[in-house]
Amino acid sequence: MPRAALVSSIVFIFAAFVLPAAAQTTELVAANPMGASTLVAVINYENIAGKPVHDRLVALGRANPNNKIVVKPVAGVGPLSEFLAKAAYAAARQGKFAAFHEAAISAPQANTYYGLRDSAPLIGLDWARFQKDFQDPAIADEVRANAAFAEAHQIASPPAFVAGGQVFSGPWEKLDLAKAAAAAIATK
């Protein structure tokens, strides 16, 4: 399947998760924005470990509609990782975080500046505005705050979840997402 068709399909499938621009805040909601409890997903979009669990994350959101899934993108070791973390916030300013998130976490190839630029129309991003928003120091501050959050929760290797004061991390294929969802519900 051509890349453009793949991204277009992803955006279409997850259109229900996209929030209107007016509803976007610095809280990046990937699923269930009206959920009464919250699971925080700490994600490095450059880390391919998140890609195999994509279907599990979607299933988690659908099976637990009362769990709002909030993403805290973090930068790993390198400029591409930092670019992708900041890109999430720049996309959110246009009300396109959910579309960006789904495209970034499910991409079969590495996420790059050029890949995002080429996919911007399919995701619904105004690229000129994205570039301007991306330069805002407040976005870099958000990414630094996410790194502090991860450090405070002793998350050394994303992806990981925080719910009910507990950290759920480890190999994604062994991560008990149902237990994370239950912890979030127990503390709402």
C-alpha atoms as a PDB file:
ATOM      1  CA  MET A   1       0.000   0.000   0.000  1.00  0.00           C
ATOM      2  CA  PRO A   2       1.483   3.420  -0.884  1.00  0.00           C
ATOM      3  CA  ARG A   3       2.495   5.548   2.112  1.00  0.00           C
ATOM      4  CA  ALA A   4      -0.050   8.280   1.304  1.00  0.00           C
ATOM      5  CA  ALA A   5      -2.892   5.755   1.199  1.00  0.00           C
ATOM      6  CA  LEU A   6      -1.709   4.162   4.443  1.00  0.00           C
ATOM      7  CA  VAL A   7      -1.588   7.469   6.310  1.00  0.00           C
ATOM      8  CA  SER A   8      -4.938   8.479   4.831  1.00  0.00           C
ATOM      9  CA  SER A   9      -6.469   5.212   6.033  1.00  0.00           C
ATOM     10  CA  ILE A  10      -4.999   5.674   9.492  1.00  0.00           C
ATOM     11  CA  VAL A  11      -6.366   9.199   9.752  1.00  0.00           C
ATOM     12  CA  PHE A  12      -9.804   8.036   8.587  1.00  0.00           C
ATOM     13  CA  ILE A  13      -9.921   5.103  11.011  1.00  0.00           C
ATOM     14  CA  PHE A  14      -9.033   7.257  13.991  1.00  0.00           C
ATOM     15  CA  ALA A  15     -11.065  10.336  13.084  1.00  0.00           C
ATOM     16  CA  ALA A  16     -13.312   9.669  16.062  1.00  0.00           C
ATOM     17  CA  PHE A  17     -10.405  10.370  18.407  1.00  0.00           C
ATOM     18  CA  VAL A  18      -9.579  13.818  16.976  1.00  0.00           C
ATOM     19  CA  LEU A  19     -10.506  16.718  19.205  1.00  0.00           C
ATOM     20  CA  PRO A  20     -11.651  20.059  17.817  1.00  0.00           C
ATOM     21  CA  ALA A  21      -8.939  22.731  17.925  1.00  0.00           C
ATOM     22  CA  ALA A  22     -10.801  24.669  20.626  1.00  0.00           C
ATOM     23  CA  ALA A  23     -10.715  21.607  22.908  1.00  0.00           C
ATOM     24  CA  GLN A  24      -6.960  21.043  22.600  1.00  0.00           C
ATOM     25  CA  THR A  25      -4.788  22.036  25.524  1.00  0.00           C
ATOM     26  CA  THR A  26      -1.272  21.084  26.478  1.00  0.00           C
ATOM     27  CA  GLU A  27      -2.815  17.835  27.696  1.00  0.00           C
ATOM     28  CA  LEU A  28      -2.399  15.577  24.681  1.00  0.00           C
ATOM     29  CA  VAL A  29      -5.394  13.236  24.613  1.00  0.00           C
ATOM     30  CA  ALA A  30      -5.049  10.185  22.382  1.00  0.00           C
ATOM     31  CA  ALA A  31      -8.387   8.558  23.260  1.00  0.00           C
ATOM     32  CA  ASN A  32     -11.559   9.076  25.253  1.00  0.00           C
ATOM     33  CA  PRO A  33     -11.310  12.812  25.995  1.00  0.00           C
ATOM     34  CA  MET A  34     -14.385  12.656  28.234  1.00  0.00           C
ATOM     35  CA  GLY A  35     -13.057   9.749  30.325  1.00  0.00           C
ATOM     36  CA  ALA A  36     -13.495  10.078  34.077  1.00  0.00           C
ATOM     37  CA  SER A  37     -10.128   8.471  34.895  1.00  0.00           C
ATOM     38  CA  THR A  38      -6.737   8.995  33.306  1.00  0.00           C
ATOM     39  CA  LEU A  39      -3.953   6.784  32.064  1.00  0.00           C
ATOM     40  CA  VAL A  40      -0.774   8.638  31.162  1.00  0.00           C
ATOM     41  CA  ALA A  41       1.257   7.111  28.342  1.00  0.00           C
ATOM     42  CA  VAL A  42       4.914   8.179  28.264  1.00  0.00           C
ATOM     43  CA  ILE A  43       5.996   7.686  24.657  1.00  0.00           C
ATOM     44  CA  ASN A  44       9.097   8.262  22.577  1.00  0.00           C
ATOM     45  CA  TYR A  45       7.809   8.410  18.995  1.00  0.00           C
ATOM     46  CA  GLU A  46      11.223   7.449  17.649  1.00  0.00           C
ATOM     47  CA  ASN A  47      11.236   4.241  19.696  1.00  0.00           C
ATOM     48  CA  ILE A  48       9.898   1.419  17.553  1.00  0.00           C
ATOM     49  CA  ALA A  49       8.796  -0.465  20.689  1.00  0.00           C
ATOM     50  CA  GLY A  50       5.511   1.458  20.561  1.00  0.00           C
ATOM     51  CA  LYS A  51       4.624   0.292  17.067  1.00  0.00           C
ATOM     52  CA  PRO A  52       3.961  -3.401  17.864  1.00  0.00           C
ATOM     53  CA  VAL A  53       1.545  -2.412  20.616  1.00  0.00           C
ATOM     54  CA  HIS A  54      -0.460   0.011  18.463  1.00  0.00           C
ATOM     55  CA  ASP A  55      -3.416  -2.360  18.143  1.00  0.00           C
ATOM     56  CA  ARG A  56      -3.323  -3.032  21.885  1.00  0.00           C
ATOM     57  CA  LEU A  57      -3.505   0.702  22.618  1.00  0.00           C
ATOM     58  CA  VAL A  58      -6.479   1.144  20.313  1.00  0.00           C
ATOM     59  CA  ALA A  59      -8.202  -1.852  21.911  1.00  0.00           C
ATOM     60  CA  LEU A  60      -7.464  -0.448  25.375  1.00  0.00           C
ATOM     61  CA  GLY A  61      -9.131   2.849  24.463  1.00  0.00           C
ATOM     62  CA  ARG A  62     -12.183   1.112  23.032  1.00  0.00           C
ATOM     63  CA  ALA A  63     -12.542  -1.367  25.893  1.00  0.00           C
ATOM     64  CA  ASN A  64     -12.158   1.335  28.536  1.00  0.00           C
ATOM     65  CA  PRO A  65     -14.134   4.380  27.361  1.00  0.00           C
ATOM     66  CA  ASN A  66     -14.029   5.867  30.860  1.00  0.00           C
ATOM     67  CA  ASN A  67     -10.199   5.947  30.732  1.00  0.00           C
ATOM     68  CA  LYS A  68      -8.864   9.072  29.108  1.00  0.00           C
ATOM     69  CA  ILE A  69      -5.485   8.250  27.555  1.00  0.00           C
ATOM     70  CA  VAL A  70      -3.111  11.192  27.859  1.00  0.00           C
ATOM     71  CA  VAL A  71       0.231  11.112  26.070  1.00  0.00           C
ATOM     72  CA  LYS A  72       3.412  12.682  27.398  1.00  0.00           C
ATOM     73  CA  PRO A  73       5.896  12.493  24.530  1.00  0.00           C
ATOM     74  CA  VAL A  74       9.512  12.459  25.621  1.00  0.00           C
ATOM     75  CA  ALA A  75      12.748  12.932  23.747  1.00  0.00           C
ATOM     76  CA  GLY A  76      15.259  10.139  23.764  1.00  0.00           C
ATOM     77  CA  VAL A  77      18.830  10.309  22.606  1.00  0.00           C
ATOM     78  CA  GLY A  78      18.929  12.486  19.546  1.00  0.00           C
ATOM     79  CA  PRO A  79      17.422  15.331  17.606  1.00  0.00           C
ATOM     80  CA  LEU A  80      14.814  13.260  15.730  1.00  0.00           C
ATOM     81  CA  SER A  81      13.294  12.085  18.991  1.00  0.00           C
ATOM     82  CA  GLU A  82      13.117  15.653  20.285  1.00  0.00           C
ATOM     83  CA  PHE A  83      11.621  16.812  16.972  1.00  0.00           C
ATOM     84  CA  LEU A  84       8.828  14.230  17.228  1.00  0.00           C
ATOM     85  CA  ALA A  85       8.039  15.078  20.859  1.00  0.00           C
ATOM     86  CA  LYS A  86       7.776  18.768  20.001  1.00  0.00           C
ATOM     87  CA  ALA A  87       5.829  17.968  16.828  1.00  0.00           C
ATOM     88  CA  ALA A  88       3.075  16.406  18.932  1.00  0.00           C
ATOM     89  CA  TYR A  89       2.496  19.750  20.669  1.00  0.00           C
ATOM     90  CA  ALA A  90       2.697  21.732  17.430  1.00  0.00           C
ATOM     91  CA  ALA A  91       0.069  19.405  15.908  1.00  0.00           C
ATOM     92  CA  ALA A  92      -2.116  19.851  19.014  1.00  0.00           C
ATOM     93  CA  ARG A  93      -2.200  23.593  18.458  1.00  0.00           C
ATOM     94  CA  GLN A  94      -4.095  22.874  15.244  1.00  0.00           C
ATOM     95  CA  GLY A  95      -6.382  20.338  16.917  1.00  0.00           C
ATOM     96  CA  LYS A  96      -4.569  17.499  15.151  1.00  0.00           C
ATOM     97  CA  PHE A  97      -2.746  15.747  17.965  1.00  0.00           C
ATOM     98  CA  ALA A  98      -4.791  12.535  17.765  1.00  0.00           C
ATOM     99  CA  ALA A  99      -4.224  12.261  14.012  1.00  0.00           C
ATOM    100  CA  PHE A 100      -0.503  12.980  14.470  1.00  0.00           C
ATOM    101  CA  HIS A 101      -0.282  10.441  17.305  1.00  0.00           C
ATOM    102  CA  GLU A 102      -1.961   7.667  15.365  1.00  0.00           C
ATOM    103  CA  ALA A 103       0.151   8.294  12.271  1.00  0.00           C
ATOM    104  CA  ALA A 104       3.380   8.505  14.302  1.00  0.00           C
ATOM    105  CA  ILE A 105       2.829   5.478  16.528  1.00  0.00           C
ATOM    106  CA  SER A 106       1.561   3.225  13.750  1.00  0.00           C
ATOM    107  CA  ALA A 107       3.989   4.236  10.980  1.00  0.00           C
ATOM    108  CA  PRO A 108       5.684   1.143   9.559  1.00  0.00           C
ATOM    109  CA  GLN A 109       8.829   3.155   8.845  1.00  0.00           C
ATOM    110  CA  ALA A 110      10.899   5.562  10.920  1.00  0.00           C
ATOM    111  CA  ASN A 111       9.256   8.908  11.613  1.00  0.00           C
ATOM    112  CA  THR A 112      11.266  11.753  10.110  1.00  0.00           C
ATOM    113  CA  TYR A 113      10.931  15.467   9.492  1.00  0.00           C
ATOM    114  CA  TYR A 114      10.409  14.806   5.785  1.00  0.00           C
ATOM    115  CA  GLY A 115       7.886  12.055   6.415  1.00  0.00           C
ATOM    116  CA  LEU A 116       5.828  14.347   8.637  1.00  0.00           C
ATOM    117  CA  ARG A 117       6.107  17.212   6.164  1.00  0.00           C
ATOM    118  CA  ASP A 118       4.918  14.968   3.339  1.00  0.00           C
ATOM    119  CA  SER A 119       2.078  13.561   5.466  1.00  0.00           C
ATOM    120  CA  ALA A 120       0.965  16.942   6.822  1.00  0.00           C
ATOM    121  CA  PRO A 121      -1.889  17.392   4.315  1.00  0.00           C
ATOM    122  CA  LEU A 122      -3.177  13.879   5.046  1.00  0.00           C
ATOM    123  CA  ILE A 123      -3.088  14.502   8.784  1.00  0.00           C
ATOM    124  CA  GLY A 124      -4.683  17.908   8.265  1.00  0.00           C
ATOM    125  CA  LEU A 125      -1.722  20.023   9.367  1.00  0.00           C
ATOM    126  CA  ASP A 126      -1.094  23.492   7.989  1.00  0.00           C
ATOM    127  CA  TRP A 127       2.660  23.024   7.507  1.00  0.00           C
ATOM    128  CA  ALA A 128       3.561  26.741   7.625  1.00  0.00           C
ATOM    129  CA  ARG A 129       1.668  27.161  10.893  1.00  0.00           C
ATOM    130  CA  PHE A 130       3.179  23.928  12.223  1.00  0.00           C
ATOM    131  CA  GLN A 131       6.697  25.238  11.599  1.00  0.00           C
ATOM    132  CA  LYS A 132       5.899  28.511  13.372  1.00  0.00           C
ATOM    133  CA  ASP A 133       4.251  26.802  16.348  1.00  0.00           C
ATOM    134  CA  PHE A 134       7.107  24.303  16.550  1.00  0.00           C
ATOM    135  CA  GLN A 135       9.550  27.146  17.281  1.00  0.00           C
ATOM    136  CA  ASP A 136       7.599  28.387  20.320  1.00  0.00           C
ATOM    137  CA  PRO A 137       9.767  27.948  23.453  1.00  0.00           C
ATOM    138  CA  ALA A 138       6.654  26.866  25.379  1.00  0.00           C
ATOM    139  CA  ILE A 139       6.638  23.637  23.362  1.00  0.00           C
ATOM    140  CA  ALA A 140      10.223  22.860  24.348  1.00  0.00           C
ATOM    141  CA  ASP A 141       9.183  23.569  27.952  1.00  0.00           C
ATOM    142  CA  GLU A 142       6.381  20.980  27.661  1.00  0.00           C
ATOM    143  CA  VAL A 143       8.828  18.345  26.423  1.00  0.00           C
ATOM    144  CA  ARG A 144      11.222  19.154  29.285  1.00  0.00           C
ATOM    145  CA  ALA A 145       8.308  18.880  31.750  1.00  0.00           C
ATOM    146  CA  ASN A 146       7.488  15.455  30.292  1.00  0.00           C
ATOM    147  CA  ALA A 147      11.099  14.377  30.818  1.00  0.00           C
ATOM    148  CA  ALA A 148      10.858  15.531  34.448  1.00  0.00           C
ATOM    149  CA  PHE A 149       7.581  13.586  34.827  1.00  0.00           C
ATOM    150  CA  ALA A 150       9.249  10.444  33.439  1.00  0.00           C
ATOM    151  CA  GLU A 151      12.251  10.904  35.730  1.00  0.00           C
ATOM    152  CA  ALA A 152      10.035  11.478  38.773  1.00  0.00           C
ATOM    153  CA  HIS A 153       8.237   8.211  37.977  1.00  0.00           C
ATOM    154  CA  GLN A 154      11.540   6.406  37.315  1.00  0.00           C
ATOM    155  CA  ILE A 155      10.668   5.708  33.694  1.00  0.00           C
ATOM    156  CA  ALA A 156      13.953   5.069  31.945  1.00  0.00           C
ATOM    157  CA  SER A 157      12.666   3.345  28.834  1.00  0.00           C
ATOM    158  CA  PRO A 158       9.393   4.439  27.244  1.00  0.00           C
ATOM    159  CA  PRO A 159       6.787   3.439  26.413  1.00  0.00           C
ATOM    160  CA  ALA A 160       5.243   3.201  29.870  1.00  0.00           C
ATOM    161  CA  PHE A 161       1.940   3.999  31.574  1.00  0.00           C
ATOM    162  CA  VAL A 162       1.232   5.811  34.828  1.00  0.00           C
ATOM    163  CA  ALA A 163      -2.147   5.205  36.460  1.00  0.00           C
ATOM    164  CA  GLY A 164      -3.324   5.331  40.033  1.00  0.00           C
ATOM    165  CA  GLY A 165       0.128   6.288  41.246  1.00  0.00           C
ATOM    166  CA  GLN A 166       1.610   3.145  39.709  1.00  0.00           C
ATOM    167  CA  VAL A 167       4.056   2.828  36.830  1.00  0.00           C
ATOM    168  CA  PHE A 168       3.475   0.100  34.257  1.00  0.00           C
ATOM    169  CA  SER A 169       6.559  -0.468  32.146  1.00  0.00           C
ATOM    170  CA  GLY A 170       8.635  -3.230  30.693  1.00  0.00           C
ATOM    171  CA  PRO A 171       8.540  -5.181  27.459  1.00  0.00           C
ATOM    172  CA  TRP A 172       5.415  -4.118  25.605  1.00  0.00           C
ATOM    173  CA  GLU A 173       4.395  -7.643  24.715  1.00  0.00           C
ATOM    174  CA  LYS A 174       4.277  -8.445  28.452  1.00  0.00           C
ATOM    175  CA  LEU A 175       2.796  -5.181  29.698  1.00  0.00           C
ATOM    176  CA  ASP A 176      -0.581  -5.712  31.365  1.00  0.00           C
ATOM    177  CA  LEU A 177      -2.611  -2.828  29.924  1.00  0.00           C
ATOM    178  CA  ALA A 178      -5.815  -4.096  31.527  1.00  0.00           C
ATOM    179  CA  LYS A 179      -4.147  -3.779  34.930  1.00  0.00           C
ATOM    180  CA  ALA A 180      -3.118  -0.202  34.081  1.00  0.00           C
ATOM    181  CA  ALA A 181      -6.704   0.607  33.038  1.00  0.00           C
ATOM    182  CA  ALA A 182      -8.032  -0.892  36.277  1.00  0.00           C
ATOM    183  CA  ALA A 183      -5.564   1.166  38.338  1.00  0.00           C
ATOM    184  CA  ALA A 184      -6.771   4.340  36.653  1.00  0.00           C
ATOM    185  CA  ILE A 185     -10.425   3.484  37.335  1.00  0.00           C
ATOM    186  CA  ALA A 186      -9.683   2.628  40.969  1.00  0.00           C
ATOM    187  CA  THR A 187      -8.308   6.134  41.632  1.00  0.00           C
ATOM    188  CA  LYS A 188     -10.745   8.342  39.726  1.00  0.00           C
END
